Amino acid sequence: MTREQHLKFCKKCTNRRLDMKVGLLCNLTGEMADFENECKSFKLDESVIEKIDDTEAVEHNDVLNKLSDKNLEKFKSEQEFPKAIMTGIVVGVIGALLWGTITVATGFQIGYMAIAIGAGVGLSMRFMGKGIDQIFGISGGIISLLSCLLGNFFSIIGFIANSEGLGYFETLSLFDYSQLIPIMTETFSGMDLLFYGIAAYGGYKFSFRTFTEKDLYELVK
C-alpha cells in the first residue's frame, strides 16, 4: 500500500501520533504505517468522524480516485444518460428563451444569465442522470454553450421584431437564415466569449453526481 492509502486509515485512528519531521506515526510502534490491506491495531476515532464534511461536494476527479472499483461500477449502473440529455436540452431551451427575453427587455446582456443557464442545465442533468462518466460533464458543457448561442439568436429576433413592429413568431418565419452567422459574428463581443465560458464550465461542473467527504467515508468504512 502507498503512504496515501495508509494515511486514510491513520488519520482516523486513535493510535496516531504526529511527528513534525516525518508526519503521522503509529503511537504503538513509533514508525510509519507499513501494513497491507488492513491494520490489526486500527481503532476508530469517533471525534474525527464527527468532523468529516457532509455539506461540501468533493471534486469529481477526487471522487473517481477515492471510489472503489465495486462502488464505481454500482454507481455507473445507476446512470441515466438519455434522461439527462433530454432534461438538459429542455432546461437549456428555457434558459435561452429567458436569456433572449431579458436581453431584449433590458437592452443589454446580463452575465448572471450565463451562470444560471450553466447551473440549470448541469443541475437538472445531475438530478435526472446521476452521472459518473465524463460524458455527462462534456454534454452538460456543450448544451449550456449551445443554449447561450440560442439565447443570443432569440435576442436578435426580439430586437428585429421590436424595431420592425412585427410579432416574434412572424419574425422567425420571415428571417433570412442565410444571414444568421454574419449577424451573430457582427454582434459578437469579448464579453460573449466570457459568458459562454462561464455557462460551459457550469454545465460541465454541475452535471456530475456529487459526494461529500462523509458520503465517501460511509462507502469505505
Protein backbone atom coordinates (compact mmCIF):
# COMPACT_ATOMS: atom_id res chain seq x y z
CA MET A 1 0.00 0.00 0.00
CA THR A 2 1.11 3.55 -0.64
CA ARG A 3 1.67 6.19 2.03
CA GLU A 4 -1.51 7.96 0.94
CA GLN A 5 -3.53 4.76 1.32
CA HIS A 6 -2.07 4.18 4.78
CA LEU A 7 -2.97 7.73 5.85
CA LYS A 8 -6.63 7.16 5.02
CA PHE A 9 -6.60 4.79 7.99
CA CYS A 10 -4.06 6.55 10.20
CA LYS A 11 -5.88 9.89 10.16
CA LYS A 12 -8.95 8.20 11.70
CA CYS A 13 -7.10 6.05 14.23
CA THR A 14 -6.78 6.86 17.94
CA ASN A 15 -3.27 5.36 17.88
CA ARG A 16 -1.90 8.09 15.61
CA ARG A 17 0.89 10.44 16.68
CA LEU A 18 2.19 13.47 14.82
CA ASP A 19 5.94 13.83 14.29
CA MET A 20 6.74 17.29 12.91
CA LYS A 21 9.58 15.91 10.79
CA VAL A 22 8.03 12.83 9.18
CA GLY A 23 4.28 13.23 9.71
CA LEU A 24 1.81 10.78 11.26
CA LEU A 25 3.28 7.79 13.05
CA CYS A 26 1.77 4.83 14.85
CA ASN A 27 1.90 5.53 18.59
CA LEU A 28 2.22 1.80 19.26
CA THR A 29 5.31 1.21 17.11
CA GLY A 30 6.73 4.70 16.73
CA GLU A 31 7.03 4.04 13.00
CA MET A 32 5.14 4.96 9.83
CA ALA A 33 2.42 2.52 8.85
CA ASP A 34 3.57 -0.50 6.84
CA PHE A 35 0.50 -2.77 6.92
CA GLU A 36 -1.14 -4.31 3.86
CA ASN A 37 -4.90 -4.07 3.27
CA GLU A 38 -5.83 -3.94 6.97
CA CYS A 39 -4.25 -2.70 10.20
CA LYS A 40 -4.92 -5.08 13.10
CA SER A 41 -4.30 -2.27 15.61
CA PHE A 42 -6.71 0.18 13.97
CA LYS A 43 -9.10 1.84 16.41
CA LEU A 44 -11.62 4.31 15.05
CA ASP A 45 -11.51 7.83 16.46
CA GLU A 46 -15.18 8.87 16.61
CA SER A 47 -14.28 12.55 17.09
CA VAL A 48 -12.61 12.56 13.66
CA ILE A 49 -15.71 11.10 12.02
CA GLU A 50 -17.88 13.83 13.51
CA LYS A 51 -15.69 16.45 11.83
CA ILE A 52 -15.91 14.94 8.34
CA ASP A 53 -17.59 17.43 6.00
CA ASP A 54 -21.09 16.36 4.98
CA THR A 55 -22.06 19.55 3.14
CA GLU A 56 -19.48 20.50 0.50
CA ALA A 57 -19.20 18.34 -2.61
CA VAL A 58 -15.85 16.69 -3.35
CA GLU A 59 -14.30 17.48 -6.76
CA HIS A 60 -15.38 14.92 -9.34
CA ASN A 61 -11.87 13.72 -10.18
CA ASP A 62 -11.19 13.17 -6.49
CA VAL A 63 -14.41 11.16 -6.21
CA LEU A 64 -13.31 8.87 -9.03
CA ASN A 65 -9.95 8.34 -7.34
CA LYS A 66 -11.49 7.56 -3.95
CA LEU A 67 -14.30 5.23 -5.03
CA SER A 68 -13.53 1.53 -5.09
CA ASP A 69 -13.99 -0.36 -8.35
CA LYS A 70 -17.02 -2.07 -6.86
CA ASN A 71 -18.72 1.19 -5.86
CA LEU A 72 -17.75 2.81 -9.14
CA GLU A 73 -19.45 0.04 -11.10
CA LYS A 74 -22.51 0.28 -8.87
CA PHE A 75 -22.94 3.99 -9.49
CA LYS A 76 -22.28 3.59 -13.20
CA SER A 77 -25.12 1.08 -13.38
CA GLU A 78 -27.46 3.73 -11.94
CA GLN A 79 -26.64 6.31 -14.62
CA GLU A 80 -29.45 7.56 -16.91
CA PHE A 81 -27.72 9.29 -19.82
CA PRO A 82 -30.74 9.65 -22.19
CA LYS A 83 -32.83 11.20 -19.41
CA ALA A 84 -30.01 13.57 -18.54
CA ILE A 85 -29.63 14.72 -22.15
CA MET A 86 -33.36 15.26 -22.68
CA THR A 87 -33.69 17.20 -19.43
CA GLY A 88 -30.59 19.27 -20.16
CA ILE A 89 -31.88 20.23 -23.60
CA VAL A 90 -35.31 21.26 -22.26
CA VAL A 91 -33.76 23.37 -19.50
CA GLY A 92 -31.26 24.82 -22.00
CA VAL A 93 -34.04 25.94 -24.36
CA ILE A 94 -35.97 27.50 -21.48
CA GLY A 95 -32.78 29.27 -20.40
CA ALA A 96 -32.21 30.53 -23.94
CA LEU A 97 -35.73 31.94 -24.09
CA LEU A 98 -35.20 33.74 -20.79
CA TRP A 99 -31.79 34.99 -21.99
CA GLY A 100 -33.37 36.44 -25.14
CA THR A 101 -36.37 37.92 -23.31
CA ILE A 102 -34.31 39.62 -20.60
CA THR A 103 -31.72 40.91 -23.09
CA VAL A 104 -34.41 42.50 -25.28
CA ALA A 105 -36.28 43.90 -22.25
CA THR A 106 -33.19 45.48 -20.66
CA GLY A 107 -31.25 46.33 -23.82
CA PHE A 108 -28.07 44.55 -22.71
CA GLN A 109 -26.81 41.10 -21.76
CA ILE A 110 -26.70 40.13 -18.11
CA GLY A 111 -23.80 37.88 -17.16
CA TYR A 112 -25.78 36.18 -14.43
CA MET A 113 -27.90 34.57 -17.13
CA ALA A 114 -24.88 32.58 -18.31
CA ILE A 115 -24.31 31.36 -14.76
CA ALA A 116 -28.00 30.47 -14.46
CA ILE A 117 -28.02 28.55 -17.74
CA GLY A 118 -24.89 26.56 -16.87
CA ALA A 119 -26.14 25.78 -13.37
CA GLY A 120 -29.67 24.99 -14.55
CA VAL A 121 -28.55 22.62 -17.28
CA GLY A 122 -25.94 20.95 -15.09
CA LEU A 123 -28.10 20.51 -12.00
CA SER A 124 -31.03 19.15 -14.00
CA MET A 125 -28.74 16.64 -15.71
CA ARG A 126 -27.27 15.67 -12.33
CA PHE A 127 -30.72 15.09 -10.86
CA MET A 128 -32.02 13.01 -13.75
CA GLY A 129 -28.81 11.34 -14.88
CA LYS A 130 -26.87 10.53 -11.68
CA GLY A 131 -23.80 10.71 -13.88
CA ILE A 132 -20.33 9.47 -13.03
CA ASP A 133 -18.78 9.22 -16.50
CA GLN A 134 -17.09 12.21 -18.15
CA ILE A 135 -19.66 12.19 -20.95
CA PHE A 136 -22.20 13.77 -18.57
CA GLY A 137 -19.97 16.77 -17.88
CA ILE A 138 -18.96 17.18 -21.51
CA SER A 139 -22.60 17.00 -22.63
CA GLY A 140 -23.65 19.49 -19.96
CA GLY A 141 -20.98 21.92 -21.11
CA ILE A 142 -21.94 21.61 -24.78
CA ILE A 143 -25.68 22.00 -24.11
CA SER A 144 -25.02 25.08 -21.97
CA LEU A 145 -22.84 26.63 -24.67
CA LEU A 146 -25.44 25.98 -27.37
CA SER A 147 -28.12 27.42 -25.09
CA CYS A 148 -26.19 30.69 -24.89
CA LEU A 149 -25.87 30.82 -28.66
CA LEU A 150 -29.60 30.13 -28.97
CA GLY A 151 -30.27 32.84 -26.39
CA ASN A 152 -28.31 35.34 -28.49
CA PHE A 153 -30.28 34.29 -31.56
CA PHE A 154 -33.56 34.87 -29.71
CA SER A 155 -32.23 38.28 -28.69
CA ILE A 156 -31.58 39.18 -32.33
CA ILE A 157 -35.07 38.05 -33.30
CA GLY A 158 -36.53 40.10 -30.46
CA PHE A 159 -34.65 43.28 -31.42
CA ILE A 160 -35.67 42.91 -35.08
CA ALA A 161 -39.30 42.27 -34.12
CA ASN A 162 -39.40 45.37 -31.93
CA SER A 163 -37.72 47.62 -34.48
CA GLU A 164 -39.98 46.49 -37.32
CA GLY A 165 -43.17 46.26 -35.30
CA LEU A 166 -43.56 42.56 -36.01
CA GLY A 167 -44.55 39.60 -33.86
CA TYR A 168 -41.80 37.27 -32.68
CA PHE A 169 -43.16 34.22 -34.47
CA GLU A 170 -43.70 36.30 -37.61
CA THR A 171 -40.10 37.49 -37.42
CA LEU A 172 -38.89 33.89 -37.03
CA SER A 173 -40.76 32.92 -40.20
CA LEU A 174 -39.53 35.93 -42.21
CA PHE A 175 -35.90 35.89 -41.01
CA ASP A 176 -33.25 35.23 -43.66
CA TYR A 177 -31.34 32.39 -42.00
CA SER A 178 -28.52 32.66 -44.52
CA GLN A 179 -27.61 35.88 -42.70
CA LEU A 180 -27.60 34.29 -39.25
CA ILE A 181 -23.84 33.64 -39.00
CA PRO A 182 -22.82 37.09 -40.38
CA ILE A 183 -25.23 38.83 -37.98
CA MET A 184 -24.09 36.85 -34.95
CA THR A 185 -20.45 37.40 -35.92
CA GLU A 186 -21.05 41.14 -36.26
CA THR A 187 -22.77 41.36 -32.87
CA PHE A 188 -20.21 39.11 -31.14
CA SER A 189 -18.05 40.66 -28.43
CA GLY A 190 -15.39 39.59 -25.97
CA MET A 191 -18.00 39.56 -23.21
CA ASP A 192 -19.95 36.95 -25.16
CA LEU A 193 -16.90 34.68 -25.03
CA LEU A 194 -16.71 35.17 -21.26
CA PHE A 195 -20.41 34.37 -20.82
CA TYR A 196 -20.14 31.27 -23.00
CA GLY A 197 -17.15 30.05 -21.00
CA ILE A 198 -18.97 30.57 -17.70
CA ALA A 199 -22.03 28.69 -18.93
CA ALA A 200 -20.00 25.80 -20.38
CA TYR A 201 -17.98 25.45 -17.18
CA GLY A 202 -21.12 25.44 -15.05
CA GLY A 203 -22.80 22.91 -17.31
CA TYR A 204 -19.76 20.65 -17.04
CA LYS A 205 -19.16 21.04 -13.30
CA PHE A 206 -22.75 20.62 -12.12
CA SER A 207 -23.69 17.66 -14.35
CA PHE A 208 -21.97 15.02 -12.22
CA ARG A 209 -23.40 13.12 -9.30
CA THR A 210 -21.97 14.60 -6.11
CA PHE A 211 -20.49 13.10 -2.97
CA THR A 212 -19.36 14.72 0.26
CA GLU A 213 -16.41 13.51 2.30
CA LYS A 214 -18.85 11.84 4.66
CA ASP A 215 -20.58 10.05 1.77
CA LEU A 216 -17.24 8.66 0.65
CA TYR A 217 -16.36 7.63 4.18
CA GLU A 218 -19.66 5.76 4.56
CA LEU A 219 -18.88 3.84 1.38
CA VAL A 220 -15.48 2.62 2.51
CA LYS A 221 -15.88 2.17 6.25
